Structure formats: structure tokens, C-alpha cells
PDB file of N, CA and C in Angstrom:
ATOM      1  N   MET A   1     -26.997 -47.927 -11.086  1.00  0.00           N
ATOM      2  CA  MET A   1     -27.156 -46.329 -10.686  1.00  0.00           C
ATOM      3  C   MET A   1     -27.735 -46.047  -9.486  1.00  0.00           C
ATOM      4  N   ARG A   2     -29.030 -46.385  -9.230  1.00  0.00           N
ATOM      5  CA  ARG A   2     -29.858 -46.390  -8.300  1.00  0.00           C
ATOM      6  C   ARG A   2     -29.192 -46.084  -6.905  1.00  0.00           C
ATOM      7  N   LYS A   3     -28.120 -47.621  -7.097  1.00  0.00           N
ATOM      8  CA  LYS A   3     -27.429 -47.496  -6.003  1.00  0.00           C
ATOM      9  C   LYS A   3     -26.409 -46.591  -5.389  1.00  0.00           C
ATOM     10  N   ILE A   4     -25.928 -45.860  -6.209  1.00  0.00           N
ATOM     11  CA  ILE A   4     -24.708 -45.155  -6.481  1.00  0.00           C
ATOM     12  C   ILE A   4     -25.535 -43.699  -6.136  1.00  0.00           C
ATOM     13  N   LEU A   5     -26.586 -43.761  -6.739  1.00  0.00           N
ATOM     14  CA  LEU A   5     -27.289 -42.386  -6.189  1.00  0.00           C
ATOM     15  C   LEU A   5     -28.222 -42.111  -4.545  1.00  0.00           C
ATOM     16  N   TYR A   6     -28.292 -43.270  -4.184  1.00  0.00           N
ATOM     17  CA  TYR A   6     -28.754 -43.832  -2.680  1.00  0.00           C
ATOM     18  C   TYR A   6     -27.270 -43.893  -1.634  1.00  0.00           C
ATOM     19  N   VAL A   7     -26.318 -43.859  -2.173  1.00  0.00           N
ATOM     20  CA  VAL A   7     -25.371 -43.742  -0.955  1.00  0.00           C
ATOM     21  C   VAL A   7     -24.839 -42.610  -1.202  1.00  0.00           C
ATOM     22  N   SER A   8     -24.686 -41.787  -2.481  1.00  0.00           N
ATOM     23  CA  SER A   8     -23.984 -40.437  -2.375  1.00  0.00           C
ATOM     24  C   SER A   8     -25.189 -39.555  -1.474  1.00  0.00           C
ATOM     25  N   ASN A   9     -26.275 -39.515  -1.942  1.00  0.00           N
ATOM     26  CA  ASN A   9     -27.402 -38.694  -1.133  1.00  0.00           C
ATOM     27  C   ASN A   9     -27.333 -39.194   0.115  1.00  0.00           C
ATOM     28  N   ILE A  10     -26.803 -40.468   0.678  1.00  0.00           N
ATOM     29  CA  ILE A  10     -26.893 -40.604   2.216  1.00  0.00           C
ATOM     30  C   ILE A  10     -25.822 -39.958   2.869  1.00  0.00           C
ATOM     31  N   ILE A  11     -24.650 -39.908   1.891  1.00  0.00           N
ATOM     32  CA  ILE A  11     -23.493 -39.301   2.329  1.00  0.00           C
ATOM     33  C   ILE A  11     -23.214 -37.287   2.465  1.00  0.00           C
ATOM     34  N   PHE A  12     -24.185 -36.839   1.446  1.00  0.00           N
ATOM     35  CA  PHE A  12     -24.387 -35.832   1.382  1.00  0.00           C
ATOM     36  C   PHE A  12     -25.262 -35.321   2.454  1.00  0.00           C
ATOM     37  N   GLY A  13     -26.150 -36.226   2.635  1.00  0.00           N
ATOM     38  CA  GLY A  13     -27.202 -36.067   3.898  1.00  0.00           C
ATOM     39  C   GLY A  13     -26.422 -36.021   5.170  1.00  0.00           C
ATOM     40  N   THR A  14     -25.502 -36.622   5.520  1.00  0.00           N
ATOM     41  CA  THR A  14     -25.006 -36.946   6.740  1.00  0.00           C
ATOM     42  C   THR A  14     -24.021 -35.373   7.081  1.00  0.00           C
ATOM     43  N   ILE A  15     -23.279 -34.906   5.788  1.00  0.00           N
ATOM     44  CA  ILE A  15     -22.851 -34.143   5.658  1.00  0.00           C
ATOM     45  C   ILE A  15     -23.567 -32.840   6.168  1.00  0.00           C
ATOM     46  N   PHE A  16     -24.246 -32.636   5.495  1.00  0.00           N
ATOM     47  CA  PHE A  16     -25.317 -31.500   5.802  1.00  0.00           C
ATOM     48  C   PHE A  16     -26.043 -31.709   7.258  1.00  0.00           C
ATOM     49  N   PHE A  17     -25.873 -32.881   8.007  1.00  0.00           N
ATOM     50  CA  PHE A  17     -26.714 -32.975   9.380  1.00  0.00           C
ATOM     51  C   PHE A  17     -25.672 -32.339   9.907  1.00  0.00           C
ATOM     52  N   ALA A  18     -24.319 -32.736   9.875  1.00  0.00           N
ATOM     53  CA  ALA A  18     -23.441 -32.038  10.589  1.00  0.00           C
ATOM     54  C   ALA A  18     -23.041 -30.279  10.488  1.00  0.00           C
ATOM     55  N   GLY A  19     -23.624 -30.183   9.100  1.00  0.00           N
ATOM     56  CA  GLY A  19     -23.562 -28.677   9.172  1.00  0.00           C
ATOM     57  C   GLY A  19     -24.885 -27.804   9.980  1.00  0.00           C
ATOM     58  N   CYS A  20     -26.073 -28.476   9.804  1.00  0.00           N
ATOM     59  CA  CYS A  20     -26.952 -28.276  11.065  1.00  0.00           C
ATOM     60  C   CYS A  20     -26.223 -28.412  12.198  1.00  0.00           C
ATOM     61  N   ILE A  21     -25.801 -29.183  12.876  1.00  0.00           N
ATOM     62  CA  ILE A  21     -25.213 -29.135  14.080  1.00  0.00           C
ATOM     63  C   ILE A  21     -23.816 -27.776  14.404  1.00  0.00           C
ATOM     64  N   GLN A  22     -23.161 -27.692  13.677  1.00  0.00           N
ATOM     65  CA  GLN A  22     -22.218 -26.718  13.752  1.00  0.00           C
ATOM     66  C   GLN A  22     -23.407 -25.234  13.572  1.00  0.00           C
ATOM     67  N   ALA A  23     -24.206 -25.264  12.704  1.00  0.00           N
ATOM     68  CA  ALA A  23     -24.533 -24.163  12.803  1.00  0.00           C
ATOM     69  C   ALA A  23     -25.248 -23.666  14.069  1.00  0.00           C
ATOM     70  N   MET A  24     -25.822 -24.872  14.699  1.00  0.00           N
ATOM     71  CA  MET A  24     -26.518 -24.594  16.264  1.00  0.00           C
ATOM     72  C   MET A  24     -25.389 -24.316  16.979  1.00  0.00           C
ATOM     73  N   PHE A  25     -24.701 -24.562  16.827  1.00  0.00           N
ATOM     74  CA  PHE A  25     -23.450 -24.406  17.915  1.00  0.00           C
ATOM     75  C   PHE A  25     -22.992 -22.378  17.492  1.00  0.00           C
ATOM     76  N   GLN A  26     -22.718 -22.446  16.298  1.00  0.00           N
ATOM     77  CA  GLN A  26     -22.890 -20.866  15.896  1.00  0.00           C
ATOM     78  C   GLN A  26     -23.801 -20.164  16.009  1.00  0.00           C
ATOM     79  N   GLU A  27     -25.164 -20.251  16.181  1.00  0.00           N
ATOM     80  CA  GLU A  27     -26.308 -19.884  16.402  1.00  0.00           C
ATOM     81  C   GLU A  27     -26.441 -18.837  14.942  1.00  0.00           C
ATOM     82  N   ASP A  28     -26.168 -19.678  14.039  1.00  0.00           N
ATOM     83  CA  ASP A  28     -26.215 -18.916  12.782  1.00  0.00           C
ATOM     84  C   ASP A  28     -27.611 -19.881  12.009  1.00  0.00           C
ATOM     85  N   MET A  29     -28.861 -18.364  11.782  1.00  0.00           N
ATOM     86  CA  MET A  29     -30.213 -19.592  11.606  1.00  0.00           C
ATOM     87  C   MET A  29     -30.213 -19.205  10.432  1.00  0.00           C
ATOM     88  N   VAL A  30     -29.510 -18.693   9.541  1.00  0.00           N
ATOM     89  CA  VAL A  30     -29.297 -18.728   8.273  1.00  0.00           C
ATOM     90  C   VAL A  30     -28.654 -19.739   7.524  1.00  0.00           C
ATOM     91  N   LEU A  31     -27.580 -20.554   8.159  1.00  0.00           N
ATOM     92  CA  LEU A  31     -26.738 -21.319   7.729  1.00  0.00           C
ATOM     93  C   LEU A  31     -27.663 -23.127   8.346  1.00  0.00           C
ATOM     94  N   LEU A  32     -28.110 -22.359   9.494  1.00  0.00           N
ATOM     95  CA  LEU A  32     -28.998 -23.737   9.818  1.00  0.00           C
ATOM     96  C   LEU A  32     -30.020 -23.866   8.934  1.00  0.00           C
ATOM     97  N   GLY A  33     -31.080 -22.951   8.451  1.00  0.00           N
ATOM     98  CA  GLY A  33     -31.888 -23.263   7.084  1.00  0.00           C
ATOM     99  C   GLY A  33     -31.663 -23.602   6.297  1.00  0.00           C
ATOM    100  N   LEU A  34     -30.646 -23.372   5.892  1.00  0.00           N
ATOM    101  CA  LEU A  34     -30.494 -23.857   4.311  1.00  0.00           C
ATOM    102  C   LEU A  34     -29.529 -25.316   4.433  1.00  0.00           C
ATOM    103  N   ALA A  35     -28.925 -25.541   5.801  1.00  0.00           N
ATOM    104  CA  ALA A  35     -28.007 -27.139   5.829  1.00  0.00           C
ATOM    105  C   ALA A  35     -29.358 -28.018   6.203  1.00  0.00           C
ATOM    106  N   THR A  36     -30.267 -27.600   6.737  1.00  0.00           N
ATOM    107  CA  THR A  36     -31.485 -28.435   7.385  1.00  0.00           C
ATOM    108  C   THR A  36     -32.431 -28.478   6.015  1.00  0.00           C
ATOM    109  N   PHE A  37     -32.765 -27.369   5.014  1.00  0.00           N
ATOM    110  CA  PHE A  37     -33.496 -27.997   3.700  1.00  0.00           C
ATOM    111  C   PHE A  37     -32.468 -28.641   2.975  1.00  0.00           C
ATOM    112  N   CYS A  38     -31.301 -28.852   2.797  1.00  0.00           N
ATOM    113  CA  CYS A  38     -30.332 -29.926   2.334  1.00  0.00           C
ATOM    114  C   CYS A  38     -30.388 -30.703   2.798  1.00  0.00           C
ATOM    115  N   MET A  39     -30.273 -31.167   4.014  1.00  0.00           N
ATOM    116  CA  MET A  39     -30.238 -32.193   4.395  1.00  0.00           C
ATOM    117  C   MET A  39     -31.632 -33.228   4.230  1.00  0.00           C
ATOM    118  N   LEU A  40     -32.917 -32.481   4.244  1.00  0.00           N
ATOM    119  CA  LEU A  40     -34.391 -33.258   4.358  1.00  0.00           C
ATOM    120  C   LEU A  40     -34.206 -33.691   2.368  1.00  0.00           C
ATOM    121  N   SER A  41     -33.484 -32.521   1.827  1.00  0.00           N
ATOM    122  CA  SER A  41     -33.980 -32.827   0.545  1.00  0.00           C
ATOM    123  C   SER A  41     -32.908 -34.346   0.062  1.00  0.00           C
ATOM    124  N   ALA A  42     -31.710 -34.066   0.609  1.00  0.00           N
ATOM    125  CA  ALA A  42     -30.525 -35.104   0.518  1.00  0.00           C
ATOM    126  C   ALA A  42     -31.091 -36.431   0.980  1.00  0.00           C
ATOM    127  N   PHE A  43     -31.658 -36.496   2.153  1.00  0.00           N
ATOM    128  CA  PHE A  43     -32.430 -37.800   2.887  1.00  0.00           C
ATOM    129  C   PHE A  43     -33.789 -38.488   1.871  1.00  0.00           C
ATOM    130  N   LEU A  44     -34.232 -37.291   1.466  1.00  0.00           N
ATOM    131  CA  LEU A  44     -35.788 -37.291   0.690  1.00  0.00           C
ATOM    132  C   LEU A  44     -35.563 -38.381  -0.892  1.00  0.00           C
ATOM    133  N   ILE A  45     -34.052 -37.182  -1.302  1.00  0.00           N
ATOM    134  CA  ILE A  45     -33.764 -38.167  -2.572  1.00  0.00           C
ATOM    135  C   ILE A  45     -33.429 -40.005  -2.427  1.00  0.00           C
ATOM    136  N   ALA A  46     -32.381 -39.586  -1.439  1.00  0.00           N
ATOM    137  CA  ALA A  46     -31.957 -40.992  -0.971  1.00  0.00           C
ATOM    138  C   ALA A  46     -33.510 -42.120  -0.592  1.00  0.00           C
ATOM    139  N   PHE A  47     -34.267 -42.030   0.028  1.00  0.00           N
ATOM    140  CA  PHE A  47     -35.395 -42.586   0.119  1.00  0.00           C
ATOM    141  C   PHE A  47     -35.937 -43.008  -1.489  1.00  0.00           C
ATOM    142  N   ILE A  48     -36.219 -41.898  -2.102  1.00  0.00           N
ATOM    143  CA  ILE A  48     -36.861 -42.172  -3.476  1.00  0.00           C
ATOM    144  C   ILE A  48     -35.729 -43.283  -4.277  1.00  0.00           C
ATOM    145  N   ALA A  49     -34.614 -43.093  -3.938  1.00  0.00           N
ATOM    146  CA  ALA A  49     -33.687 -44.013  -4.732  1.00  0.00           C
ATOM    147  C   ALA A  49     -33.547 -45.322  -4.072  1.00  0.00           C
ATOM    148  N   GLU A  50     -33.623 -45.507  -3.079  1.00  0.00           N
ATOM    149  CA  GLU A  50     -33.231 -46.370  -2.429  1.00  0.00           C
ATOM    150  C   GLU A  50     -33.844 -48.024  -2.997  1.00  0.00           C
ATOM    151  N   PRO A  51     -33.083 -48.858  -3.405  1.00  0.00           N
ATOM    152  CA  PRO A  51     -33.290 -50.159  -4.176  1.00  0.00           C
ATOM    153  C   PRO A  51     -34.353 -51.050  -3.331  1.00  0.00           C
ATOM    154  N   ARG A  52     -35.491 -51.616  -4.221  1.00  0.00           N
ATOM    155  CA  ARG A  52     -36.110 -52.433  -3.290  1.00  0.00           C
ATOM    156  C   ARG A  52     -36.800 -53.166  -4.168  1.00  0.00           C
ATOM    157  N   LYS A  53     -37.073 -54.555  -3.761  1.00  0.00           N
ATOM    158  CA  LYS A  53     -37.541 -56.008  -4.375  1.00  0.00           C
ATOM    159  C   LYS A  53     -38.898 -55.568  -4.710  1.00  0.00           C
ATOM    160  N   ASP A  54     -39.730 -55.300  -3.822  1.00  0.00           N
ATOM    161  CA  ASP A  54     -41.043 -55.296  -4.407  1.00  0.00           C
ATOM    162  C   ASP A  54     -41.371 -53.964  -5.470  1.00  0.00           C
ATOM    163  N   GLU A  55     -41.893 -54.345  -6.282  1.00  0.00           N
ATOM    164  CA  GLU A  55     -42.079 -53.220  -7.695  1.00  0.00           C
ATOM    165  C   GLU A  55     -43.274 -52.440  -7.074  1.00  0.00           C
ATOM    166  N   LYS A  56     -44.098 -52.880  -6.414  1.00  0.00           N
ATOM    167  CA  LYS A  56     -45.173 -52.099  -6.105  1.00  0.00           C
ATOM    168  C   LYS A  56     -45.019 -51.314  -4.871  1.00  0.00           C
ATOM    169  N   TYR A  57     -44.378 -51.897  -3.899  1.00  0.00           N
ATOM    170  CA  TYR A  57     -44.044 -51.232  -2.797  1.00  0.00           C
ATOM    171  C   TYR A  57     -42.944 -49.931  -3.286  1.00  0.00           C
ATOM    172  N   ASP A  58     -42.140 -50.354  -4.224  1.00  0.00           N
ATOM    173  CA  ASP A  58     -41.310 -49.119  -4.981  1.00  0.00           C
ATOM    174  C   ASP A  58     -42.057 -48.221  -5.525  1.00  0.00           C
ATOM    175  N   ALA A  59     -42.960 -48.334  -6.059  1.00  0.00           N
ATOM    176  CA  ALA A  59     -43.236 -47.590  -6.738  1.00  0.00           C
ATOM    177  C   ALA A  59     -44.312 -46.595  -5.880  1.00  0.00           C
ATOM    178  N   ARG A  60     -45.124 -47.174  -4.792  1.00  0.00           N
ATOM    179  CA  ARG A  60     -45.872 -46.205  -3.391  1.00  0.00           C
ATOM    180  C   ARG A  60     -44.754 -45.537  -3.287  1.00  0.00           C
ATOM    181  N   CYS A  61     -43.373 -45.905  -2.327  1.00  0.00           N
ATOM    182  CA  CYS A  61     -42.671 -45.310  -1.825  1.00  0.00           C
ATOM    183  C   CYS A  61     -42.029 -44.241  -2.325  1.00  0.00           C
ATOM    184  N   GLN A  62     -42.071 -44.484  -4.223  1.00  0.00           N
ATOM    185  CA  GLN A  62     -41.154 -43.465  -4.560  1.00  0.00           C
ATOM    186  C   GLN A  62     -42.374 -42.155  -5.156  1.00  0.00           C
ATOM    187  N   SER A  63     -43.294 -42.385  -5.054  1.00  0.00           N
ATOM    188  CA  SER A  63     -44.517 -41.273  -4.712  1.00  0.00           C
ATOM    189  C   SER A  63     -44.709 -40.672  -3.681  1.00  0.00           C
ATOM    190  N   TYR A  64     -44.744 -41.254  -2.815  1.00  0.00           N
ATOM    191  CA  TYR A  64     -44.558 -40.988  -1.382  1.00  0.00           C
ATOM    192  C   TYR A  64     -43.486 -39.718  -1.163  1.00  0.00           C
ATOM    193  N   GLY A  65     -42.475 -40.356  -1.764  1.00  0.00           N
ATOM    194  CA  GLY A  65     -41.170 -39.544  -1.461  1.00  0.00           C
ATOM    195  C   GLY A  65     -41.077 -38.390  -2.487  1.00  0.00           C
ATOM    196  N   VAL A  66     -41.714 -38.254  -3.498  1.00  0.00           N
ATOM    197  CA  VAL A  66     -41.688 -37.477  -4.473  1.00  0.00           C
ATOM    198  C   VAL A  66     -42.758 -36.213  -3.848  1.00  0.00           C
ATOM    199  N   GLY A  67     -43.808 -36.519  -3.473  1.00  0.00           N
ATOM    200  CA  GLY A  67     -44.699 -35.565  -2.589  1.00  0.00           C
ATOM    201  C   GLY A  67     -44.077 -34.880  -1.267  1.00  0.00           C
ATOM    202  N   MET A  68     -43.481 -35.947  -0.718  1.00  0.00           N
ATOM    203  CA  MET A  68     -42.658 -35.069   0.534  1.00  0.00           C
ATOM    204  C   MET A  68     -41.769 -33.791  -0.042  1.00  0.00           C
ATOM    205  N   LEU A  69     -40.469 -34.652  -1.281  1.00  0.00           N
ATOM    206  CA  LEU A  69     -39.971 -33.657  -1.891  1.00  0.00           C
ATOM    207  C   LEU A  69     -40.497 -32.341  -1.953  1.00  0.00           C
ATOM    208  N   LEU A  70     -41.764 -32.365  -2.836  1.00  0.00           N
ATOM    209  CA  LEU A  70     -42.250 -31.210  -3.186  1.00  0.00           C
ATOM    210  C   LEU A  70     -42.644 -30.313  -2.029  1.00  0.00           C
ATOM    211  N   LEU A  71     -43.548 -30.918  -1.086  1.00  0.00           N
ATOM    212  CA  LEU A  71     -43.674 -30.279   0.166  1.00  0.00           C
ATOM    213  C   LEU A  71     -42.798 -29.426   0.967  1.00  0.00           C
ATOM    214  N   VAL A  72     -41.338 -30.483   1.246  1.00  0.00           N
ATOM    215  CA  VAL A  72     -40.327 -29.624   1.633  1.00  0.00           C
ATOM    216  C   VAL A  72     -39.648 -28.171   0.783  1.00  0.00           C
ATOM    217  N   THR A  73     -39.859 -28.533  -0.375  1.00  0.00           N
ATOM    218  CA  THR A  73     -39.828 -27.497  -1.416  1.00  0.00           C
ATOM    219  C   THR A  73     -40.139 -26.217  -1.076  1.00  0.00           C
ATOM    220  N   ILE A  74     -41.806 -26.582  -0.933  1.00  0.00           N
ATOM    221  CA  ILE A  74     -42.449 -25.221  -0.881  1.00  0.00           C
ATOM    222  C   ILE A  74     -42.694 -24.778   0.357  1.00  0.00           C
ATOM    223  N   ALA A  75     -42.370 -25.571   1.442  1.00  0.00           N
ATOM    224  CA  ALA A  75     -42.011 -24.795   2.948  1.00  0.00           C
ATOM    225  C   ALA A  75     -40.977 -24.052   2.922  1.00  0.00           C
ATOM    226  N   GLY A  76     -39.860 -24.686   2.413  1.00  0.00           N
ATOM    227  CA  GLY A  76     -38.369 -23.946   2.181  1.00  0.00           C
ATOM    228  C   GLY A  76     -38.864 -22.465   1.501  1.00  0.00           C
ATOM    229  N   ALA A  77     -39.216 -22.358   0.182  1.00  0.00           N
ATOM    230  CA  ALA A  77     -39.807 -21.016  -0.565  1.00  0.00           C
ATOM    231  C   ALA A  77     -40.815 -20.063   0.460  1.00  0.00           C
ATOM    232  N   MET A  78     -41.585 -21.068   0.647  1.00  0.00           N
ATOM    233  CA  MET A  78     -42.439 -19.844   1.746  1.00  0.00           C
ATOM    234  C   MET A  78     -41.755 -19.297   2.985  1.00  0.00           C
ATOM    235  N   LEU A  79     -40.736 -20.063   3.646  1.00  0.00           N
ATOM    236  CA  LEU A  79     -39.973 -19.635   4.510  1.00  0.00           C
ATOM    237  C   LEU A  79     -39.060 -18.454   4.253  1.00  0.00           C
ATOM    238  N   LEU A  80     -38.709 -18.886   3.143  1.00  0.00           N
ATOM    239  CA  LEU A  80     -37.738 -17.917   2.241  1.00  0.00           C
ATOM    240  C   LEU A  80     -38.320 -16.384   2.271  1.00  0.00           C
ATOM    241  N   LEU A  81     -39.272 -16.655   1.451  1.00  0.00           N
ATOM    242  CA  LEU A  81     -40.264 -15.458   0.806  1.00  0.00           C
ATOM    243  C   LEU A  81     -40.868 -14.709   1.752  1.00  0.00           C
ATOM    244  N   THR A  82     -41.006 -15.382   2.908  1.00  0.00           N
ATOM    245  CA  THR A  82     -41.658 -14.253   4.157  1.00  0.00           C
ATOM    246  C   THR A  82     -40.832 -14.183   5.238  1.00  0.00           C
ATOM    247  N   SER A  83     -39.521 -14.636   5.416  1.00  0.00           N
ATOM    248  CA  SER A  83     -38.448 -14.041   6.579  1.00  0.00           C
ATOM    249  C   SER A  83     -38.407 -13.076   6.503  1.00  0.00           C
ATOM    250  N   CYS A  84     -38.053 -12.148   5.553  1.00  0.00           N
ATOM    251  CA  CYS A  84     -37.315 -11.284   5.058  1.00  0.00           C
ATOM    252  C   CYS A  84     -38.307  -9.901   5.129  1.00  0.00           C
ATOM    253  N   SER A  85     -39.052  -9.100   6.245  1.00  0.00           N
ATOM    254  CA  SER A  85     -39.647  -8.128   5.772  1.00  0.00           C
ATOM    255  C   SER A  85     -39.082  -6.903   5.843  1.00  0.00           C
ATOM    256  N   THR A  86     -39.716  -5.891   5.159  1.00  0.00           N
ATOM    257  CA  THR A  86     -38.953  -5.151   4.947  1.00  0.00           C
ATOM    258  C   THR A  86     -39.505  -3.725   5.510  1.00  0.00           C
ATOM    259  N   SER A  87     -40.316  -3.848   6.566  1.00  0.00           N
ATOM    260  CA  SER A  87     -40.807  -2.775   7.389  1.00  0.00           C
ATOM    261  C   SER A  87     -41.023  -3.571   8.922  1.00  0.00           C
ATOM    262  N   GLY A  88     -40.640  -2.873   9.666  1.00  0.00           N
ATOM    263  CA  GLY A  88     -40.575  -3.329  11.392  1.00  0.00           C
ATOM    264  C   GLY A  88     -39.086  -4.338  11.557  1.00  0.00           C
ATOM    265  N   TYR A  89     -38.990  -5.247  12.327  1.00  0.00           N
ATOM    266  CA  TYR A  89     -38.522  -6.134  12.348  1.00  0.00           C
ATOM    267  C   TYR A  89     -37.783  -7.237  11.815  1.00  0.00           C
ATOM    268  N   GLY A  90     -36.667  -7.049  11.067  1.00  0.00           N
ATOM    269  CA  GLY A  90     -36.509  -8.152  10.025  1.00  0.00           C
ATOM    270  C   GLY A  90     -35.193  -8.068   9.218  1.00  0.00           C
ATOM    271  N   CYS A  91     -34.962  -8.739   8.312  1.00  0.00           N
ATOM    272  CA  CYS A  91     -33.586  -8.411   7.452  1.00  0.00           C
ATOM    273  C   CYS A  91     -33.085  -7.390   7.052  1.00  0.00           C
ATOM    274  N   LYS A  92     -34.406  -6.263   6.487  1.00  0.00           N
ATOM    275  CA  LYS A  92     -33.894  -5.082   6.214  1.00  0.00           C
ATOM    276  C   LYS A  92     -34.601  -3.984   6.817  1.00  0.00           C
ATOM    277  N   GLY A  93     -35.339  -4.498   8.020  1.00  0.00           N
ATOM    278  CA  GLY A  93     -36.306  -3.408   9.109  1.00  0.00           C
ATOM    279  C   GLY A  93     -35.241  -2.906  10.100  1.00  0.00           C
ATOM    280  N   ARG A  94     -35.798  -2.278  11.223  1.00  0.00           N
ATOM    281  CA  ARG A  94     -34.691  -1.933  12.614  1.00  0.00           C
ATOM    282  C   ARG A  94     -34.628  -3.462  13.260  1.00  0.00           C
ATOM    283  N   SER A  95     -33.244  -2.848  13.710  1.00  0.00           N
ATOM    284  CA  SER A  95     -32.913  -3.952  14.506  1.00  0.00           C
ATOM    285  C   SER A  95     -33.725  -4.356  15.742  1.00  0.00           C
ATOM    286  N   LYS A  96     -33.361  -5.317  16.265  1.00  0.00           N
ATOM    287  CA  LYS A  96     -34.223  -5.611  17.601  1.00  0.00           C
ATOM    288  C   LYS A  96     -33.628  -5.024  18.993  1.00  0.00           C
ATOM    289  N   CYS A  97     -32.384  -5.175  18.764  1.00  0.00           N
ATOM    290  CA  CYS A  97     -31.711  -4.116  19.762  1.00  0.00           C
ATOM    291  C   CYS A  97     -31.701  -2.784  19.895  1.00  0.00           C
ATOM    292  N   MET A  98     -32.445  -2.127  21.073  1.00  0.00           N
ATOM    293  CA  MET A  98     -32.648  -0.567  21.567  1.00  0.00           C
ATOM    294  C   MET A  98     -31.579   0.050  21.868  1.00  0.00           C
ATOM    295  N   THR A  99     -31.137   1.083  21.245  1.00  0.00           N
ATOM    296  CA  THR A  99     -29.757   1.953  21.677  1.00  0.00           C
ATOM    297  C   THR A  99     -30.146   2.749  22.514  1.00  0.00           C
ATOM    298  N   ARG A 100     -30.010   3.168  23.839  1.00  0.00           N
ATOM    299  CA  ARG A 100     -30.262   4.810  24.768  1.00  0.00           C
ATOM    300  C   ARG A 100     -29.655   5.520  24.345  1.00  0.00           C
ATOM    301  N   VAL A 101     -30.330   6.383  23.930  1.00  0.00           N
ATOM    302  CA  VAL A 101     -29.985   7.998  23.560  1.00  0.00           C
ATOM    303  C   VAL A 101     -29.755   9.039  24.405  1.00  0.00           C
ATOM    304  N   ARG A 102     -28.659   9.487  24.805  1.00  0.00           N
ATOM    305  CA  ARG A 102     -28.249  10.464  25.760  1.00  0.00           C
ATOM    306  C   ARG A 102     -28.949  11.739  25.250  1.00  0.00           C
TER     307      ARG A 102
END
């Protein structure tokens, strides 16, 4: 079961990496952020699920992987909550482009 989880997350991480590259070419920051978060999560889950021979090393890698996954999730949530401001520039505020009025 761990081997299937490992291989599937490596495949999903690679697909999301391709999505990151395409988002960079399209200059779509929302898609880039989402693809980066999904890519990091998939690679961290693959790191956790990677089959290892040494049980002590395996337990340490799993605990480090869960900690890193928690940090990535918290950082993603903080960026999502703070990126859209309602005043000034931002998602719902004024545009950065100033138009000239005659």
C-alpha cells in the first residue's frame, strides 16, 4: 500500500510541477500558488510514504515529513488569508493601473 501511495504521489507531484511551469509562462499567480502548494504537498506525502528498510530512520522521516506538511499547510493558509485585502490594492480593492481622466 505504501508503494502505491508513494508512486501515485510522485506522479501527481510531477503533474503539478508541470502546472507550475505552465502557470509561470501564463503569468497566472493564483494558478502558480495553487499548483505549488499541491506539488509540495504531493512530494511531502511521497516522502512520508517512501518505503525504507530501517524502522528507526523511517519513523524519524515520517515525523519530519508530517511536520513539514503541517508547516506548508499553515504557510499556504496564511498566504491565502492575507493576500486578498479589501482596502487599497488587492483582490477587491483598486486596480494598480491608474487611468488618466481628461
